[in-house]
PDB file of N, CA and C in Angstrom:
ATOM      1  N   MET A   1      33.274  -6.231  -0.329  1.00  0.00           N
ATOM      2  CA  MET A   1      31.763  -6.535  -0.861  1.00  0.00           C
ATOM      3  C   MET A   1      31.338  -4.917  -1.512  1.00  0.00           C
ATOM      4  N   GLY A   2      30.604  -5.331  -3.083  1.00  0.00           N
ATOM      5  CA  GLY A   2      30.077  -3.805  -3.119  1.00  0.00           C
ATOM      6  C   GLY A   2      28.805  -3.081  -2.907  1.00  0.00           C
ATOM      7  N   ARG A   3      29.120  -2.059  -3.069  1.00  0.00           N
ATOM      8  CA  ARG A   3      28.056  -0.977  -2.660  1.00  0.00           C
ATOM      9  C   ARG A   3      26.569  -1.253  -2.182  1.00  0.00           C
ATOM     10  N   MET A   4      26.095  -1.725  -3.408  1.00  0.00           N
ATOM     11  CA  MET A   4      24.376  -1.618  -4.003  1.00  0.00           C
ATOM     12  C   MET A   4      24.231  -3.263  -3.148  1.00  0.00           C
ATOM     13  N   LYS A   5      25.348  -4.579  -3.335  1.00  0.00           N
ATOM     14  CA  LYS A   5      25.088  -5.335  -2.596  1.00  0.00           C
ATOM     15  C   LYS A   5      24.880  -5.112  -1.029  1.00  0.00           C
ATOM     16  N   GLN A   6      25.871  -4.474  -0.869  1.00  0.00           N
ATOM     17  CA  GLN A   6      25.434  -4.069   0.451  1.00  0.00           C
ATOM     18  C   GLN A   6      24.348  -3.287   1.399  1.00  0.00           C
ATOM     19  N   LEU A   7      23.878  -2.638   0.150  1.00  0.00           N
ATOM     20  CA  LEU A   7      22.483  -1.702   0.955  1.00  0.00           C
ATOM     21  C   LEU A   7      21.940  -2.634   0.035  1.00  0.00           C
ATOM     22  N   CYS A   8      21.658  -3.103  -0.548  1.00  0.00           N
ATOM     23  CA  CYS A   8      20.715  -5.095  -0.641  1.00  0.00           C
ATOM     24  C   CYS A   8      20.936  -5.430   0.533  1.00  0.00           C
ATOM     25  N   ILE A   9      21.589  -5.959   0.964  1.00  0.00           N
ATOM     26  CA  ILE A   9      21.499  -6.781   1.858  1.00  0.00           C
ATOM     27  C   ILE A   9      20.948  -5.824   3.154  1.00  0.00           C
ATOM     28  N   ASP A  10      21.415  -4.752   3.282  1.00  0.00           N
ATOM     29  CA  ASP A  10      20.762  -3.701   4.602  1.00  0.00           C
ATOM     30  C   ASP A  10      19.327  -3.456   4.815  1.00  0.00           C
ATOM     31  N   ILE A  11      19.012  -3.514   3.852  1.00  0.00           N
ATOM     32  CA  ILE A  11      17.347  -3.597   3.370  1.00  0.00           C
ATOM     33  C   ILE A  11      16.905  -4.019   3.218  1.00  0.00           C
ATOM     34  N   MET A  12      17.419  -5.499   3.141  1.00  0.00           N
ATOM     35  CA  MET A  12      17.193  -6.834   3.340  1.00  0.00           C
ATOM     36  C   MET A  12      16.608  -7.181   5.099  1.00  0.00           C
ATOM     37  N   GLU A  13      17.469  -6.425   5.367  1.00  0.00           N
ATOM     38  CA  GLU A  13      17.686  -7.231   7.046  1.00  0.00           C
ATOM     39  C   GLU A  13      16.522  -6.075   7.511  1.00  0.00           C
ATOM     40  N   ALA A  14      16.563  -5.018   7.496  1.00  0.00           N
ATOM     41  CA  ALA A  14      15.962  -4.145   7.788  1.00  0.00           C
ATOM     42  C   ALA A  14      14.009  -4.256   7.822  1.00  0.00           C
ATOM     43  N   ASN A  15      14.186  -5.585   6.589  1.00  0.00           N
ATOM     44  CA  ASN A  15      12.580  -5.414   6.523  1.00  0.00           C
ATOM     45  C   ASN A  15      12.240  -6.737   6.097  1.00  0.00           C
ATOM     46  N   GLY A  16      13.240  -7.949   6.436  1.00  0.00           N
ATOM     47  CA  GLY A  16      12.671  -8.893   6.756  1.00  0.00           C
ATOM     48  C   GLY A  16      12.562  -9.454   5.086  1.00  0.00           C
ATOM     49  N   GLY A  17      13.580  -9.190   3.682  1.00  0.00           N
ATOM     50  CA  GLY A  17      13.117  -8.604   2.624  1.00  0.00           C
ATOM     51  C   GLY A  17      13.342  -8.023   1.857  1.00  0.00           C
ATOM     52  N   ILE A  18      12.877  -7.920   0.219  1.00  0.00           N
ATOM     53  CA  ILE A  18      12.854  -7.017   0.170  1.00  0.00           C
ATOM     54  C   ILE A  18      11.155  -6.478  -0.277  1.00  0.00           C
ATOM     55  N   PRO A  19      10.878  -5.164   0.134  1.00  0.00           N
ATOM     56  CA  PRO A  19       9.370  -5.118   0.021  1.00  0.00           C
ATOM     57  C   PRO A  19       8.923  -4.973  -1.299  1.00  0.00           C
ATOM     58  N   PRO A  20       8.105  -5.424  -1.150  1.00  0.00           N
ATOM     59  CA  PRO A  20       6.675  -5.269  -2.497  1.00  0.00           C
ATOM     60  C   PRO A  20       6.757  -4.222  -2.854  1.00  0.00           C
ATOM     61  N   GLY A  21       6.843  -3.907  -4.180  1.00  0.00           N
ATOM     62  CA  GLY A  21       6.650  -3.342  -5.242  1.00  0.00           C
ATOM     63  C   GLY A  21       7.764  -2.198  -5.235  1.00  0.00           C
ATOM     64  N   MET A  22       8.780  -2.702  -5.068  1.00  0.00           N
ATOM     65  CA  MET A  22       9.834  -1.394  -4.290  1.00  0.00           C
ATOM     66  C   MET A  22      11.310  -1.735  -5.833  1.00  0.00           C
ATOM     67  N   THR A  23      11.398  -0.090  -6.068  1.00  0.00           N
ATOM     68  CA  THR A  23      12.018  -0.034  -7.712  1.00  0.00           C
ATOM     69  C   THR A  23      13.854  -0.021  -7.605  1.00  0.00           C
ATOM     70  N   ILE A  24      14.045   0.853  -8.340  1.00  0.00           N
ATOM     71  CA  ILE A  24      15.308   0.751  -8.429  1.00  0.00           C
ATOM     72  C   ILE A  24      15.615   2.807  -7.749  1.00  0.00           C
ATOM     73  N   GLU A  25      14.455   3.241  -8.404  1.00  0.00           N
ATOM     74  CA  GLU A  25      14.824   4.617  -7.974  1.00  0.00           C
ATOM     75  C   GLU A  25      14.164   4.404  -6.240  1.00  0.00           C
ATOM     76  N   ASP A  26      13.362   3.832  -6.343  1.00  0.00           N
ATOM     77  CA  ASP A  26      13.515   3.570  -3.975  1.00  0.00           C
ATOM     78  C   ASP A  26      14.525   2.835  -3.557  1.00  0.00           C
ATOM     79  N   LEU A  27      15.488   2.032  -4.258  1.00  0.00           N
ATOM     80  CA  LEU A  27      16.083   1.865  -3.562  1.00  0.00           C
ATOM     81  C   LEU A  27      17.557   3.170  -3.387  1.00  0.00           C
ATOM     82  N   VAL A  28      17.736   3.761  -4.442  1.00  0.00           N
ATOM     83  CA  VAL A  28      18.685   4.993  -4.711  1.00  0.00           C
ATOM     84  C   VAL A  28      17.864   5.935  -3.739  1.00  0.00           C
ATOM     85  N   ARG A  29      16.490   6.656  -3.433  1.00  0.00           N
ATOM     86  CA  ARG A  29      16.353   7.196  -2.454  1.00  0.00           C
ATOM     87  C   ARG A  29      16.784   7.276  -1.413  1.00  0.00           C
ATOM     88  N   MET A  30      16.507   5.712  -1.338  1.00  0.00           N
ATOM     89  CA  MET A  30      17.167   4.865   0.639  1.00  0.00           C
ATOM     90  C   MET A  30      18.269   5.455   0.776  1.00  0.00           C
ATOM     91  N   ASN A  31      18.732   4.475  -0.528  1.00  0.00           N
ATOM     92  CA  ASN A  31      20.621   4.960  -0.199  1.00  0.00           C
ATOM     93  C   ASN A  31      20.977   6.663   0.526  1.00  0.00           C
ATOM     94  N   GLU A  32      20.162   7.426  -0.703  1.00  0.00           N
ATOM     95  CA  GLU A  32      20.623   9.068  -0.504  1.00  0.00           C
ATOM     96  C   GLU A  32      20.341   9.596   1.071  1.00  0.00           C
ATOM     97  N   MET A  33      18.896   8.958   1.369  1.00  0.00           N
ATOM     98  CA  MET A  33      18.125   9.509   3.052  1.00  0.00           C
ATOM     99  C   MET A  33      19.148   8.292   3.853  1.00  0.00           C
ATOM    100  N   GLU A  34      19.631   7.089   3.606  1.00  0.00           N
ATOM    101  CA  GLU A  34      20.072   6.589   4.184  1.00  0.00           C
ATOM    102  C   GLU A  34      19.217   6.122   5.214  1.00  0.00           C
ATOM    103  N   ILE A  35      18.315   6.112   5.257  1.00  0.00           N
ATOM    104  CA  ILE A  35      17.268   5.059   5.151  1.00  0.00           C
ATOM    105  C   ILE A  35      16.898   3.413   4.630  1.00  0.00           C
ATOM    106  N   TYR A  36      17.004   2.834   5.870  1.00  0.00           N
ATOM    107  CA  TYR A  36      16.400   1.209   5.231  1.00  0.00           C
ATOM    108  C   TYR A  36      15.593   1.062   5.173  1.00  0.00           C
ATOM    109  N   SER A  37      14.125   1.694   6.021  1.00  0.00           N
ATOM    110  CA  SER A  37      13.421   1.048   6.437  1.00  0.00           C
ATOM    111  C   SER A  37      11.756   1.166   5.215  1.00  0.00           C
ATOM    112  N   TRP A  38      11.033   0.320   4.842  1.00  0.00           N
ATOM    113  CA  TRP A  38      10.480   0.476   3.960  1.00  0.00           C
ATOM    114  C   TRP A  38       9.621   1.829   4.548  1.00  0.00           C
ATOM    115  N   GLU A  39       8.732   1.252   5.756  1.00  0.00           N
ATOM    116  CA  GLU A  39       8.327   2.091   6.067  1.00  0.00           C
ATOM    117  C   GLU A  39       8.283   3.211   6.550  1.00  0.00           C
ATOM    118  N   GLU A  40       9.581   3.393   6.965  1.00  0.00           N
ATOM    119  CA  GLU A  40       9.935   4.850   7.834  1.00  0.00           C
ATOM    120  C   GLU A  40       9.969   5.834   5.875  1.00  0.00           C
ATOM    121  N   TYR A  41      10.888   5.481   4.967  1.00  0.00           N
ATOM    122  CA  TYR A  41      10.877   5.581   3.291  1.00  0.00           C
ATOM    123  C   TYR A  41       9.578   5.743   2.960  1.00  0.00           C
ATOM    124  N   GLU A  42       8.677   4.797   3.598  1.00  0.00           N
ATOM    125  CA  GLU A  42       7.254   5.357   2.438  1.00  0.00           C
ATOM    126  C   GLU A  42       6.545   7.175   3.409  1.00  0.00           C
ATOM    127  N   ARG A  43       6.859   6.871   5.105  1.00  0.00           N
ATOM    128  CA  ARG A  43       7.103   7.931   5.869  1.00  0.00           C
ATOM    129  C   ARG A  43       7.064   9.191   4.767  1.00  0.00           C
ATOM    130  N   GLU A  44       8.640   9.328   5.376  1.00  0.00           N
ATOM    131  CA  GLU A  44       9.137  10.446   4.332  1.00  0.00           C
ATOM    132  C   GLU A  44       8.528  10.598   3.170  1.00  0.00           C
ATOM    133  N   GLN A  45       8.184   9.885   2.069  1.00  0.00           N
ATOM    134  CA  GLN A  45       7.447   9.924   1.084  1.00  0.00           C
ATOM    135  C   GLN A  45       6.668  10.907   1.090  1.00  0.00           C
ATOM    136  N   GLN A  46       5.939  10.720   2.491  1.00  0.00           N
ATOM    137  CA  GLN A  46       4.335  11.358   2.317  1.00  0.00           C
ATOM    138  C   GLN A  46       4.660  12.597   2.214  1.00  0.00           C
ATOM    139  N   LYS A  47       5.842  13.202   3.624  1.00  0.00           N
ATOM    140  CA  LYS A  47       6.068  14.044   3.991  1.00  0.00           C
ATOM    141  C   LYS A  47       6.716  14.828   2.884  1.00  0.00           C
ATOM    142  N   ILE A  48       7.758  14.345   1.644  1.00  0.00           N
ATOM    143  CA  ILE A  48       7.950  15.550   0.905  1.00  0.00           C
ATOM    144  C   ILE A  48       6.910  15.299  -0.486  1.00  0.00           C
ATOM    145  N   ARG A  49       6.133  14.856   0.114  1.00  0.00           N
ATOM    146  CA  ARG A  49       4.642  14.977  -1.199  1.00  0.00           C
ATOM    147  C   ARG A  49       3.846  15.455  -0.861  1.00  0.00           C
ATOM    148  N   LEU A  50       3.771  15.970   0.771  1.00  0.00           N
ATOM    149  CA  LEU A  50       2.696  16.788   1.248  1.00  0.00           C
ATOM    150  C   LEU A  50       3.624  18.236   1.203  1.00  0.00           C
ATOM    151  N   GLN A  51       4.122  18.609   1.262  1.00  0.00           N
ATOM    152  CA  GLN A  51       5.258  19.542   1.592  1.00  0.00           C
ATOM    153  C   GLN A  51       5.433  19.870   0.187  1.00  0.00           C
ATOM    154  N   HIS A  52       5.756  19.215  -1.085  1.00  0.00           N
ATOM    155  CA  HIS A  52       5.276  19.919  -2.398  1.00  0.00           C
ATOM    156  C   HIS A  52       3.443  20.453  -2.685  1.00  0.00           C
ATOM    157  N   LEU A  53       3.142  19.555  -1.935  1.00  0.00           N
ATOM    158  CA  LEU A  53       1.555  19.910  -2.129  1.00  0.00           C
ATOM    159  C   LEU A  53       0.595  21.368  -1.575  1.00  0.00           C
ATOM    160  N   GLU A  54       2.025  21.233  -0.444  1.00  0.00           N
ATOM    161  CA  GLU A  54       1.483  22.508   0.533  1.00  0.00           C
ATOM    162  C   GLU A  54       1.993  23.361  -0.171  1.00  0.00           C
ATOM    163  N   SER A  55       2.838  23.820  -0.976  1.00  0.00           N
ATOM    164  CA  SER A  55       3.640  24.692  -1.478  1.00  0.00           C
ATOM    165  C   SER A  55       2.831  25.621  -2.826  1.00  0.00           C
ATOM    166  N   GLU A  56       2.307  24.009  -3.369  1.00  0.00           N
ATOM    167  CA  GLU A  56       2.123  23.979  -4.222  1.00  0.00           C
ATOM    168  C   GLU A  56      -0.418  25.038  -4.557  1.00  0.00           C
ATOM    169  N   ASN A  57      -0.604  23.832  -3.125  1.00  0.00           N
ATOM    170  CA  ASN A  57      -1.610  24.816  -2.958  1.00  0.00           C
ATOM    171  C   ASN A  57      -2.497  24.451  -1.560  1.00  0.00           C
ATOM    172  N   PRO A  58      -2.015  25.378  -0.942  1.00  0.00           N
ATOM    173  CA  PRO A  58      -2.453  24.735   0.616  1.00  0.00           C
ATOM    174  C   PRO A  58      -3.637  24.878   0.794  1.00  0.00           C
ATOM    175  N   GLY A  59      -4.229  24.736   0.389  1.00  0.00           N
ATOM    176  CA  GLY A  59      -5.610  24.357   0.968  1.00  0.00           C
ATOM    177  C   GLY A  59      -6.205  22.589   0.821  1.00  0.00           C
ATOM    178  N   GLU A  60      -4.955  22.360  -0.543  1.00  0.00           N
ATOM    179  CA  GLU A  60      -5.284  21.111  -0.801  1.00  0.00           C
ATOM    180  C   GLU A  60      -4.639  20.221   0.533  1.00  0.00           C
ATOM    181  N   ALA A  61      -3.378  20.457   0.866  1.00  0.00           N
ATOM    182  CA  ALA A  61      -2.820  20.261   1.521  1.00  0.00           C
ATOM    183  C   ALA A  61      -3.774  19.633   2.585  1.00  0.00           C
ATOM    184  N   ALA A  62      -4.034  20.333   3.262  1.00  0.00           N
ATOM    185  CA  ALA A  62      -4.548  19.922   4.624  1.00  0.00           C
ATOM    186  C   ALA A  62      -5.718  19.166   4.606  1.00  0.00           C
ATOM    187  N   LYS A  63      -6.479  18.486   3.595  1.00  0.00           N
ATOM    188  CA  LYS A  63      -7.430  17.465   3.285  1.00  0.00           C
ATOM    189  C   LYS A  63      -6.844  16.916   3.045  1.00  0.00           C
ATOM    190  N   VAL A  64      -5.184  16.550   2.472  1.00  0.00           N
ATOM    191  CA  VAL A  64      -4.818  15.168   2.006  1.00  0.00           C
ATOM    192  C   VAL A  64      -4.439  14.325   3.602  1.00  0.00           C
ATOM    193  N   ALA A  65      -3.815  15.654   4.090  1.00  0.00           N
ATOM    194  CA  ALA A  65      -3.476  15.004   5.910  1.00  0.00           C
ATOM    195  C   ALA A  65      -4.760  15.067   6.464  1.00  0.00           C
ATOM    196  N   GLU A  66      -5.943  15.716   6.905  1.00  0.00           N
ATOM    197  CA  GLU A  66      -7.073  15.234   7.002  1.00  0.00           C
ATOM    198  C   GLU A  66      -7.390  13.790   6.715  1.00  0.00           C
ATOM    199  N   THR A  67      -7.223  13.757   5.614  1.00  0.00           N
ATOM    200  CA  THR A  67      -7.445  12.018   4.880  1.00  0.00           C
ATOM    201  C   THR A  67      -6.581  11.425   5.221  1.00  0.00           C
ATOM    202  N   GLU A  68      -5.557  11.461   5.158  1.00  0.00           N
ATOM    203  CA  GLU A  68      -4.756  10.381   5.309  1.00  0.00           C
ATOM    204  C   GLU A  68      -4.690  10.082   7.268  1.00  0.00           C
ATOM    205  N   GLN A  69      -5.019  10.871   8.124  1.00  0.00           N
ATOM    206  CA  GLN A  69      -5.371  10.930   9.936  1.00  0.00           C
ATOM    207  C   GLN A  69      -6.804   9.963  10.253  1.00  0.00           C
ATOM    208  N   MET A  70      -7.811   9.391   8.981  1.00  0.00           N
ATOM    209  CA  MET A  70      -8.974   9.435   9.236  1.00  0.00           C
ATOM    210  C   MET A  70      -8.526   7.690   9.162  1.00  0.00           C
ATOM    211  N   PHE A  71      -7.830   7.487   7.960  1.00  0.00           N
ATOM    212  CA  PHE A  71      -7.625   6.084   7.777  1.00  0.00           C
ATOM    213  C   PHE A  71      -6.140   5.426   7.767  1.00  0.00           C
ATOM    214  N   ARG A  72      -5.701   6.301   8.644  1.00  0.00           N
ATOM    215  CA  ARG A  72      -3.834   5.875   9.159  1.00  0.00           C
ATOM    216  C   ARG A  72      -4.040   3.529   9.539  1.00  0.00           C
ATOM    217  N   ASP A  73      -4.976   4.229  10.209  1.00  0.00           N
ATOM    218  CA  ASP A  73      -5.035   2.484  10.960  1.00  0.00           C
ATOM    219  C   ASP A  73      -4.834   1.339   9.489  1.00  0.00           C
ATOM    220  N   PHE A  74      -5.929   1.309   8.365  1.00  0.00           N
ATOM    221  CA  PHE A  74      -5.791   1.190   8.072  1.00  0.00           C
ATOM    222  C   PHE A  74      -4.242   1.274   7.064  1.00  0.00           C
ATOM    223  N   TYR A  75      -4.507   1.553   6.437  1.00  0.00           N
ATOM    224  CA  TYR A  75      -2.251   2.178   5.594  1.00  0.00           C
ATOM    225  C   TYR A  75      -1.643   1.336   7.064  1.00  0.00           C
ATOM    226  N   ASN A  76      -1.306   1.039   7.875  1.00  0.00           N
ATOM    227  CA  ASN A  76      -0.681   0.902   9.119  1.00  0.00           C
ATOM    228  C   ASN A  76      -0.956  -0.936   8.520  1.00  0.00           C
ATOM    229  N   GLN A  77      -1.712  -1.817   8.189  1.00  0.00           N
ATOM    230  CA  GLN A  77      -1.702  -2.492   8.111  1.00  0.00           C
ATOM    231  C   GLN A  77      -1.036  -3.723   7.169  1.00  0.00           C
ATOM    232  N   THR A  78      -0.400  -4.136   7.573  1.00  0.00           N
ATOM    233  CA  THR A  78       0.985  -4.487   6.665  1.00  0.00           C
ATOM    234  C   THR A  78       0.006  -5.576   5.598  1.00  0.00           C
ATOM    235  N   ARG A  79       0.764  -5.887   4.567  1.00  0.00           N
ATOM    236  CA  ARG A  79      -0.229  -7.043   3.501  1.00  0.00           C
ATOM    237  C   ARG A  79      -0.739  -7.920   3.778  1.00  0.00           C
ATOM    238  N   GLU A  80      -0.009  -9.404   5.207  1.00  0.00           N
ATOM    239  CA  GLU A  80      -0.364 -10.574   5.537  1.00  0.00           C
ATOM    240  C   GLU A  80      -2.157 -10.081   6.150  1.00  0.00           C
ATOM    241  N   GLU A  81      -1.668  -8.640   7.057  1.00  0.00           N
ATOM    242  CA  GLU A  81      -3.224  -8.919   7.661  1.00  0.00           C
ATOM    243  C   GLU A  81      -4.118  -8.463   7.262  1.00  0.00           C
ATOM    244  N   LYS A  82      -4.129  -8.005   5.890  1.00  0.00           N
ATOM    245  CA  LYS A  82      -5.075  -7.396   5.052  1.00  0.00           C
ATOM    246  C   LYS A  82      -5.964  -8.890   4.509  1.00  0.00           C
ATOM    247  N   GLU A  83      -4.791  -9.574   4.020  1.00  0.00           N
ATOM    248  CA  GLU A  83      -4.576 -10.719   3.260  1.00  0.00           C
ATOM    249  C   GLU A  83      -5.788 -11.861   4.269  1.00  0.00           C
ATOM    250  N   GLY A  84      -4.996 -11.726   5.262  1.00  0.00           N
ATOM    251  CA  GLY A  84      -5.704 -12.498   6.434  1.00  0.00           C
ATOM    252  C   GLY A  84      -6.658 -12.506   6.734  1.00  0.00           C
ATOM    253  N   SER A  85      -7.776 -11.173   6.760  1.00  0.00           N
ATOM    254  CA  SER A  85      -8.587 -10.610   7.041  1.00  0.00           C
ATOM    255  C   SER A  85      -9.822 -10.832   6.084  1.00  0.00           C
ATOM    256  N   GLU A  86      -9.778 -10.575   4.653  1.00  0.00           N
ATOM    257  CA  GLU A  86     -10.155 -11.247   3.791  1.00  0.00           C
ATOM    258  C   GLU A  86     -10.396 -12.817   3.598  1.00  0.00           C
ATOM    259  N   GLN A  87     -10.375 -13.570   4.276  1.00  0.00           N
ATOM    260  CA  GLN A  87      -9.812 -14.730   4.376  1.00  0.00           C
ATOM    261  C   GLN A  87     -11.513 -15.601   5.342  1.00  0.00           C
TER     262      GLN A  87
END
């Protein structure tokens, strides 16, 4: 079996399908990081963004981290939960 096919199977099994909004770039990064769960991948990407932002502007990184903490419950909702609460 091809490596890309196996990668897609691993990601689909870890997430219950292909995550909405996933790009080929995300697929390549997930493979490099050996992370197959979309939520775990997004957390790692957020950490990387905060580290990059912190190196450029330390004060701004603290504000971003504080805002993220305030809205953590909202961000952790799945798309289905958000759509279900709107109806």
